[in-house]
């Protein structure tokens, strides 16, 4: 079972959204006097674990059960 085409579009939008938040945070930090390299590190740290955030967001989309069902069907033995 393969994901519908909208899944990749949503993933792309999620990535853009997270990148946008980091960029805004970096700009704010630089405006407050932080060095650019430090601002990037601190902005990423403030955002948190990006992989975990993405996983939570995917679960909130409400279609994870379809993905899990597809995986279960792929692993099911054939008779």
PDB file of N, CA and C in Angstrom:
ATOM      1  N   UNK A   1       0.849  -1.178   0.000  1.00  0.00           N
ATOM      2  CA  UNK A   1       0.000   0.000   0.000  1.00  0.00           C
ATOM      3  C   UNK A   1       0.893   1.240   0.000  1.00  0.00           C
ATOM      4  N   UNK A   2       0.651   2.112  -0.903  1.00  0.00           N
ATOM      5  CA  UNK A   2       1.439   3.328  -1.013  1.00  0.00           C
ATOM      6  C   UNK A   2       0.599   4.524  -0.562  1.00  0.00           C
ATOM      7  N   UNK A   3       1.317   5.530  -0.096  1.00  0.00           N
ATOM      8  CA  UNK A   3       0.623   6.719   0.383  1.00  0.00           C
ATOM      9  C   UNK A   3       0.041   7.496  -0.791  1.00  0.00           C
ATOM     10  N   UNK A   4      -1.093   8.092  -0.578  1.00  0.00           N
ATOM     11  CA  UNK A   4      -1.645   8.952  -1.626  1.00  0.00           C
ATOM     12  C   UNK A   4      -0.718  10.138  -1.880  1.00  0.00           C
ATOM     13  N   UNK A   5      -0.886  10.754  -3.055  1.00  0.00           N
ATOM     14  CA  UNK A   5      -0.006  11.855  -3.435  1.00  0.00           C
ATOM     15  C   UNK A   5      -0.082  13.029  -2.457  1.00  0.00           C
ATOM     16  N   UNK A   6      -1.226  13.203  -1.801  1.00  0.00           N
ATOM     17  CA  UNK A   6      -1.367  14.328  -0.875  1.00  0.00           C
ATOM     18  C   UNK A   6      -0.459  14.191   0.331  1.00  0.00           C
ATOM     19  N   UNK A   7      -0.066  12.990   0.631  1.00  0.00           N
ATOM     20  CA  UNK A   7       0.803  12.774   1.791  1.00  0.00           C
ATOM     21  C   UNK A   7       2.141  13.491   1.599  1.00  0.00           C
ATOM     22  N   UNK A   8       2.721  13.363   0.421  1.00  0.00           N
ATOM     23  CA  UNK A   8       4.011  14.021   0.183  1.00  0.00           C
ATOM     24  C   UNK A   8       3.850  15.538   0.175  1.00  0.00           C
ATOM     25  N   UNK A   9       2.716  16.024  -0.292  1.00  0.00           N
ATOM     26  CA  UNK A   9       2.466  17.464  -0.275  1.00  0.00           C
ATOM     27  C   UNK A   9       2.372  17.965   1.164  1.00  0.00           C
ATOM     28  N   UNK A  10       1.700  17.228   2.010  1.00  0.00           N
ATOM     29  CA  UNK A  10       1.593  17.622   3.417  1.00  0.00           C
ATOM     30  C   UNK A  10       2.950  17.573   4.104  1.00  0.00           C
ATOM     31  N   UNK A  11       3.745  16.570   3.777  1.00  0.00           N
ATOM     32  CA  UNK A  11       5.093  16.472   4.342  1.00  0.00           C
ATOM     33  C   UNK A  11       5.932  17.684   3.928  1.00  0.00           C
ATOM     34  N   UNK A  12       5.797  18.059   2.676  1.00  0.00           N
ATOM     35  CA  UNK A  12       6.519  19.216   2.151  1.00  0.00           C
ATOM     36  C   UNK A  12       6.090  20.493   2.883  1.00  0.00           C
ATOM     37  N   UNK A  13       4.788  20.659   3.080  1.00  0.00           N
ATOM     38  CA  UNK A  13       4.271  21.827   3.789  1.00  0.00           C
ATOM     39  C   UNK A  13       4.748  21.842   5.243  1.00  0.00           C
ATOM     40  N   UNK A  14       4.794  20.687   5.872  1.00  0.00           N
ATOM     41  CA  UNK A  14       5.269  20.594   7.251  1.00  0.00           C
ATOM     42  C   UNK A  14       6.736  21.013   7.332  1.00  0.00           C
ATOM     43  N   UNK A  15       7.531  20.542   6.407  1.00  0.00           N
ATOM     44  CA  UNK A  15       8.953  20.894   6.377  1.00  0.00           C
ATOM     45  C   UNK A  15       9.127  22.402   6.194  1.00  0.00           C
ATOM     46  N   UNK A  16       8.360  22.992   5.275  1.00  0.00           N
ATOM     47  CA  UNK A  16       8.437  24.437   5.043  1.00  0.00           C
ATOM     48  C   UNK A  16       8.027  25.208   6.293  1.00  0.00           C
ATOM     49  N   UNK A  17       6.995  24.747   6.961  1.00  0.00           N
ATOM     50  CA  UNK A  17       6.515  25.414   8.176  1.00  0.00           C
ATOM     51  C   UNK A  17       7.577  25.391   9.278  1.00  0.00           C
ATOM     52  N   UNK A  18       8.194  24.251   9.467  1.00  0.00           N
ATOM     53  CA  UNK A  18       9.229  24.148  10.502  1.00  0.00           C
ATOM     54  C   UNK A  18      10.439  25.014  10.146  1.00  0.00           C
ATOM     55  N   UNK A  19      10.822  25.009   8.887  1.00  0.00           N
ATOM     56  CA  UNK A  19      11.938  25.836   8.432  1.00  0.00           C
ATOM     57  C   UNK A  19      11.620  27.309   8.647  1.00  0.00           C
ATOM     58  N   UNK A  20      10.405  27.695   8.347  1.00  0.00           N
ATOM     59  CA  UNK A  20       9.977  29.077   8.521  1.00  0.00           C
ATOM     60  C   UNK A  20      10.076  29.508   9.986  1.00  0.00           C
ATOM     61  N   UNK A  21       9.653  28.638  10.897  1.00  0.00           N
ATOM     62  CA  UNK A  21       9.737  28.960  12.328  1.00  0.00           C
ATOM     63  C   UNK A  21      11.190  29.138  12.768  1.00  0.00           C
ATOM     64  N   UNK A  22      12.045  28.275  12.290  1.00  0.00           N
ATOM     65  CA  UNK A  22      13.471  28.388  12.644  1.00  0.00           C
ATOM     66  C   UNK A  22      14.041  29.695  12.094  1.00  0.00           C
ATOM     67  N   UNK A  23      13.725  30.001  10.832  1.00  0.00           N
ATOM     68  CA  UNK A  23      14.251  31.218  10.217  1.00  0.00           C
ATOM     69  C   UNK A  23      13.781  32.471  10.969  1.00  0.00           C
ATOM     70  N   UNK A  24      12.513  32.500  11.365  1.00  0.00           N
ATOM     71  CA  UNK A  24      12.002  33.656  12.114  1.00  0.00           C
ATOM     72  C   UNK A  24      12.705  33.782  13.460  1.00  0.00           C
ATOM     73  N   UNK A  25      12.920  32.652  14.112  1.00  0.00           N
ATOM     74  CA  UNK A  25      13.602  32.673  15.399  1.00  0.00           C
ATOM     75  C   UNK A  25      15.042  33.150  15.242  1.00  0.00           C
ATOM     76  N   UNK A  26      15.708  32.695  14.194  1.00  0.00           N
ATOM     77  CA  UNK A  26      17.089  33.110  13.936  1.00  0.00           C
ATOM     78  C   UNK A  26      17.136  34.618  13.709  1.00  0.00           C
ATOM     79  N   UNK A  27      16.226  35.138  12.899  1.00  0.00           N
ATOM     80  CA  UNK A  27      16.193  36.578  12.635  1.00  0.00           C
ATOM     81  C   UNK A  27      15.979  37.370  13.926  1.00  0.00           C
ATOM     82  N   UNK A  28      15.049  36.923  14.749  1.00  0.00           N
ATOM     83  CA  UNK A  28      14.796  37.603  16.022  1.00  0.00           C
ATOM     84  C   UNK A  28      16.043  37.606  16.903  1.00  0.00           C
ATOM     85  N   UNK A  29      16.707  36.480  16.951  1.00  0.00           N
ATOM     86  CA  UNK A  29      17.899  36.371  17.794  1.00  0.00           C
ATOM     87  C   UNK A  29      19.032  37.261  17.278  1.00  0.00           C
ATOM     88  N   UNK A  30      19.206  37.299  15.978  1.00  0.00           N
ATOM     89  CA  UNK A  30      20.245  38.159  15.399  1.00  0.00           C
ATOM     90  C   UNK A  30      19.913  39.624  15.676  1.00  0.00           C
ATOM     91  N   UNK A  31      18.631  39.979  15.549  1.00  0.00           N
ATOM     92  CA  UNK A  31      18.207  41.354  15.844  1.00  0.00           C
ATOM     93  C   UNK A  31      18.491  41.736  17.294  1.00  0.00           C
ATOM     94  N   UNK A  32      18.480  40.742  18.180  1.00  0.00           N
ATOM     95  CA  UNK A  32      18.760  41.004  19.597  1.00  0.00           C
ATOM     96  C   UNK A  32      20.253  40.952  19.909  1.00  0.00           C
ATOM     97  N   UNK A  33      21.071  40.698  18.887  1.00  0.00           N
ATOM     98  CA  UNK A  33      22.512  40.791  19.077  1.00  0.00           C
ATOM     99  C   UNK A  33      23.279  39.483  19.105  1.00  0.00           C
ATOM    100  N   UNK A  34      22.620  38.359  18.885  1.00  0.00           N
ATOM    101  CA  UNK A  34      23.343  37.083  18.873  1.00  0.00           C
ATOM    102  C   UNK A  34      24.133  36.946  17.576  1.00  0.00           C
ATOM    103  N   UNK A  35      25.204  36.210  17.655  1.00  0.00           N
ATOM    104  CA  UNK A  35      25.970  35.889  16.447  1.00  0.00           C
ATOM    105  C   UNK A  35      25.132  34.941  15.589  1.00  0.00           C
ATOM    106  N   UNK A  36      25.202  35.059  14.265  1.00  0.00           N
ATOM    107  CA  UNK A  36      24.363  34.217  13.395  1.00  0.00           C
ATOM    108  C   UNK A  36      24.499  32.713  13.650  1.00  0.00           C
ATOM    109  N   UNK A  37      25.704  32.233  13.833  1.00  0.00           N
ATOM    110  CA  UNK A  37      25.892  30.788  14.069  1.00  0.00           C
ATOM    111  C   UNK A  37      25.239  30.362  15.378  1.00  0.00           C
ATOM    112  N   UNK A  38      25.407  31.186  16.407  1.00  0.00           N
ATOM    113  CA  UNK A  38      24.785  30.880  17.699  1.00  0.00           C
ATOM    114  C   UNK A  38      23.271  30.954  17.605  1.00  0.00           C
ATOM    115  N   UNK A  39      22.776  31.908  16.825  1.00  0.00           N
ATOM    116  CA  UNK A  39      21.329  32.073  16.668  1.00  0.00           C
ATOM    117  C   UNK A  39      20.695  30.839  16.037  1.00  0.00           C
ATOM    118  N   UNK A  40      21.370  30.259  15.060  1.00  0.00           N
ATOM    119  CA  UNK A  40      20.843  29.054  14.399  1.00  0.00           C
ATOM    120  C   UNK A  40      20.791  27.889  15.385  1.00  0.00           C
ATOM    121  N   UNK A  41      21.877  27.693  16.115  1.00  0.00           N
ATOM    122  CA  UNK A  41      21.935  26.594  17.077  1.00  0.00           C
ATOM    123  C   UNK A  41      20.846  26.750  18.144  1.00  0.00           C
ATOM    124  N   UNK A  42      20.713  27.956  18.671  1.00  0.00           N
ATOM    125  CA  UNK A  42      19.717  28.197  19.721  1.00  0.00           C
ATOM    126  C   UNK A  42      18.293  28.066  19.189  1.00  0.00           C
ATOM    127  N   UNK A  43      18.063  28.516  17.968  1.00  0.00           N
ATOM    128  CA  UNK A  43      16.720  28.412  17.380  1.00  0.00           C
ATOM    129  C   UNK A  43      16.330  26.953  17.194  1.00  0.00           C
ATOM    130  N   UNK A  44      17.254  26.142  16.713  1.00  0.00           N
ATOM    131  CA  UNK A  44      16.971  24.713  16.546  1.00  0.00           C
ATOM    132  C   UNK A  44      16.753  24.026  17.891  1.00  0.00           C
ATOM    133  N   UNK A  45      17.535  24.410  18.860  1.00  0.00           N
ATOM    134  CA  UNK A  45      17.383  23.834  20.201  1.00  0.00           C
ATOM    135  C   UNK A  45      16.031  24.228  20.795  1.00  0.00           C
ATOM    136  N   UNK A  46      15.639  25.478  20.586  1.00  0.00           N
ATOM    137  CA  UNK A  46      14.369  25.954  21.117  1.00  0.00           C
ATOM    138  C   UNK A  46      13.192  25.222  20.463  1.00  0.00           C
ATOM    139  N   UNK A  47      13.298  24.967  19.165  1.00  0.00           N
ATOM    140  CA  UNK A  47      12.233  24.240  18.470  1.00  0.00           C
ATOM    141  C   UNK A  47      12.084  22.842  19.053  1.00  0.00           C
ATOM    142  N   UNK A  48      13.187  22.191  19.315  1.00  0.00           N
ATOM    143  CA  UNK A  48      13.145  20.853  19.885  1.00  0.00           C
ATOM    144  C   UNK A  48      13.443  19.787  18.850  1.00  0.00           C
ATOM    145  N   UNK A  49      13.081  18.573  19.174  1.00  0.00           N
ATOM    146  CA  UNK A  49      13.351  17.417  18.330  1.00  0.00           C
ATOM    147  C   UNK A  49      12.436  17.459  17.107  1.00  0.00           C
ATOM    148  N   UNK A  50      12.999  17.818  15.967  1.00  0.00           N
ATOM    149  CA  UNK A  50      12.212  17.984  14.744  1.00  0.00           C
ATOM    150  C   UNK A  50      11.528  16.680  14.323  1.00  0.00           C
ATOM    151  N   UNK A  51      12.210  15.570  14.463  1.00  0.00           N
ATOM    152  CA  UNK A  51      11.611  14.283  14.109  1.00  0.00           C
ATOM    153  C   UNK A  51      10.400  13.962  14.961  1.00  0.00           C
ATOM    154  N   UNK A  52      10.501  14.257  16.238  1.00  0.00           N
ATOM    155  CA  UNK A  52       9.390  14.015  17.155  1.00  0.00           C
ATOM    156  C   UNK A  52       8.206  14.931  16.832  1.00  0.00           C
ATOM    157  N   UNK A  53       8.491  16.182  16.536  1.00  0.00           N
ATOM    158  CA  UNK A  53       7.436  17.131  16.172  1.00  0.00           C
ATOM    159  C   UNK A  53       6.717  16.666  14.914  1.00  0.00           C
ATOM    160  N   UNK A  54       7.474  16.197  13.936  1.00  0.00           N
ATOM    161  CA  UNK A  54       6.863  15.711  12.696  1.00  0.00           C
ATOM    162  C   UNK A  54       5.974  14.496  12.969  1.00  0.00           C
ATOM    163  N   UNK A  55       6.445  13.599  13.804  1.00  0.00           N
ATOM    164  CA  UNK A  55       5.671  12.400  14.119  1.00  0.00           C
ATOM    165  C   UNK A  55       4.353  12.758  14.816  1.00  0.00           C
ATOM    166  N   UNK A  56       4.429  13.671  15.756  1.00  0.00           N
ATOM    167  CA  UNK A  56       3.216  14.117  16.451  1.00  0.00           C
ATOM    168  C   UNK A  56       2.243  14.752  15.459  1.00  0.00           C
ATOM    169  N   UNK A  57       2.776  15.570  14.567  1.00  0.00           N
ATOM    170  CA  UNK A  57       1.929  16.233  13.574  1.00  0.00           C
ATOM    171  C   UNK A  57       1.273  15.210  12.660  1.00  0.00           C
ATOM    172  N   UNK A  58       2.029  14.227  12.214  1.00  0.00           N
ATOM    173  CA  UNK A  58       1.447  13.174  11.354  1.00  0.00           C
ATOM    174  C   UNK A  58       0.321  12.446  12.082  1.00  0.00           C
ATOM    175  N   UNK A  59       0.532  12.162  13.346  1.00  0.00           N
ATOM    176  CA  UNK A  59      -0.518  11.497  14.124  1.00  0.00           C
ATOM    177  C   UNK A  59      -1.768  12.361  14.213  1.00  0.00           C
ATOM    178  N   UNK A  60      -1.581  13.660  14.320  1.00  0.00           N
ATOM    179  CA  UNK A  60      -2.720  14.575  14.396  1.00  0.00           C
ATOM    180  C   UNK A  60      -3.474  14.656  13.071  1.00  0.00           C
ATOM    181  N   UNK A  61      -2.803  14.360  11.967  1.00  0.00           N
ATOM    182  CA  UNK A  61      -3.486  14.378  10.680  1.00  0.00           C
ATOM    183  C   UNK A  61      -4.583  13.328  10.636  1.00  0.00           C
ATOM    184  N   UNK A  62      -4.451  12.309  11.454  1.00  0.00           N
ATOM    185  CA  UNK A  62      -5.514  11.327  11.571  1.00  0.00           C
ATOM    186  C   UNK A  62      -5.472  10.181  10.585  1.00  0.00           C
ATOM    187  N   UNK A  63      -4.438  10.085   9.797  1.00  0.00           N
ATOM    188  CA  UNK A  63      -4.370   9.012   8.807  1.00  0.00           C
ATOM    189  C   UNK A  63      -3.308   7.983   9.134  1.00  0.00           C
ATOM    190  N   UNK A  64      -2.722   8.064  10.306  1.00  0.00           N
ATOM    191  CA  UNK A  64      -1.686   7.107  10.671  1.00  0.00           C
ATOM    192  C   UNK A  64      -2.227   5.687  10.716  1.00  0.00           C
ATOM    193  N   UNK A  65      -3.496   5.526  11.063  1.00  0.00           N
ATOM    194  CA  UNK A  65      -4.063   4.183  11.121  1.00  0.00           C
ATOM    195  C   UNK A  65      -4.056   3.538   9.745  1.00  0.00           C
ATOM    196  N   UNK A  66      -4.192   4.332   8.687  1.00  0.00           N
ATOM    197  CA  UNK A  66      -4.144   3.789   7.333  1.00  0.00           C
ATOM    198  C   UNK A  66      -2.737   3.285   7.029  1.00  0.00           C
ATOM    199  N   UNK A  67      -1.753   4.074   7.430  1.00  0.00           N
ATOM    200  CA  UNK A  67      -0.361   3.670   7.225  1.00  0.00           C
ATOM    201  C   UNK A  67      -0.058   2.379   7.978  1.00  0.00           C
ATOM    202  N   UNK A  68      -0.478   2.318   9.235  1.00  0.00           N
ATOM    203  CA  UNK A  68      -0.228   1.117  10.036  1.00  0.00           C
ATOM    204  C   UNK A  68      -0.928  -0.098   9.444  1.00  0.00           C
ATOM    205  N   UNK A  69      -2.151   0.082   8.983  1.00  0.00           N
ATOM    206  CA  UNK A  69      -2.886  -1.017   8.357  1.00  0.00           C
ATOM    207  C   UNK A  69      -2.158  -1.495   7.112  1.00  0.00           C
ATOM    208  N   UNK A  70      -1.662  -0.560   6.331  1.00  0.00           N
ATOM    209  CA  UNK A  70      -0.906  -0.924   5.131  1.00  0.00           C
ATOM    210  C   UNK A  70       0.336  -1.718   5.460  1.00  0.00           C
ATOM    211  N   UNK A  71       1.027  -1.311   6.498  1.00  0.00           N
ATOM    212  CA  UNK A  71       2.226  -2.045   6.918  1.00  0.00           C
ATOM    213  C   UNK A  71       1.858  -3.440   7.396  1.00  0.00           C
ATOM    214  N   UNK A  72       0.761  -3.530   8.148  1.00  0.00           N
ATOM    215  CA  UNK A  72       0.334  -4.834   8.649  1.00  0.00           C
ATOM    216  C   UNK A  72      -0.031  -5.759   7.488  1.00  0.00           C
ATOM    217  N   UNK A  73      -0.685  -5.210   6.481  1.00  0.00           N
ATOM    218  CA  UNK A  73      -1.075  -6.025   5.330  1.00  0.00           C
ATOM    219  C   UNK A  73       0.154  -6.475   4.542  1.00  0.00           C
ATOM    220  N   UNK A  74       1.152  -5.605   4.451  1.00  0.00           N
ATOM    221  CA  UNK A  74       2.392  -5.980   3.754  1.00  0.00           C
ATOM    222  C   UNK A  74       3.138  -7.079   4.499  1.00  0.00           C
ATOM    223  N   UNK A  75       3.007  -7.112   5.825  1.00  0.00           N
ATOM    224  CA  UNK A  75       3.723  -8.110   6.629  1.00  0.00           C
ATOM    225  C   UNK A  75       2.912  -9.380   6.835  1.00  0.00           C
ATOM    226  N   UNK A  76       1.646  -9.340   6.499  1.00  0.00           N
ATOM    227  CA  UNK A  76       0.788 -10.505   6.740  1.00  0.00           C
ATOM    228  C   UNK A  76       1.214 -11.670   5.846  1.00  0.00           C
ATOM    229  N   UNK A  77       1.250 -12.867   6.394  1.00  0.00           N
ATOM    230  CA  UNK A  77       1.634 -14.016   5.570  1.00  0.00           C
ATOM    231  C   UNK A  77       0.543 -14.311   4.528  1.00  0.00           C
ATOM    232  N   UNK A  78       0.997 -14.727   3.374  1.00  0.00           N
ATOM    233  CA  UNK A  78       0.050 -15.081   2.315  1.00  0.00           C
ATOM    234  C   UNK A  78      -0.227 -16.570   2.369  1.00  0.00           C
ATOM    235  N   UNK A  79      -1.473 -16.939   2.212  1.00  0.00           N
ATOM    236  CA  UNK A  79      -1.868 -18.343   2.267  1.00  0.00           C
ATOM    237  C   UNK A  79      -2.239 -18.848   0.900  1.00  0.00           C
TER     238      UNK A  79
END
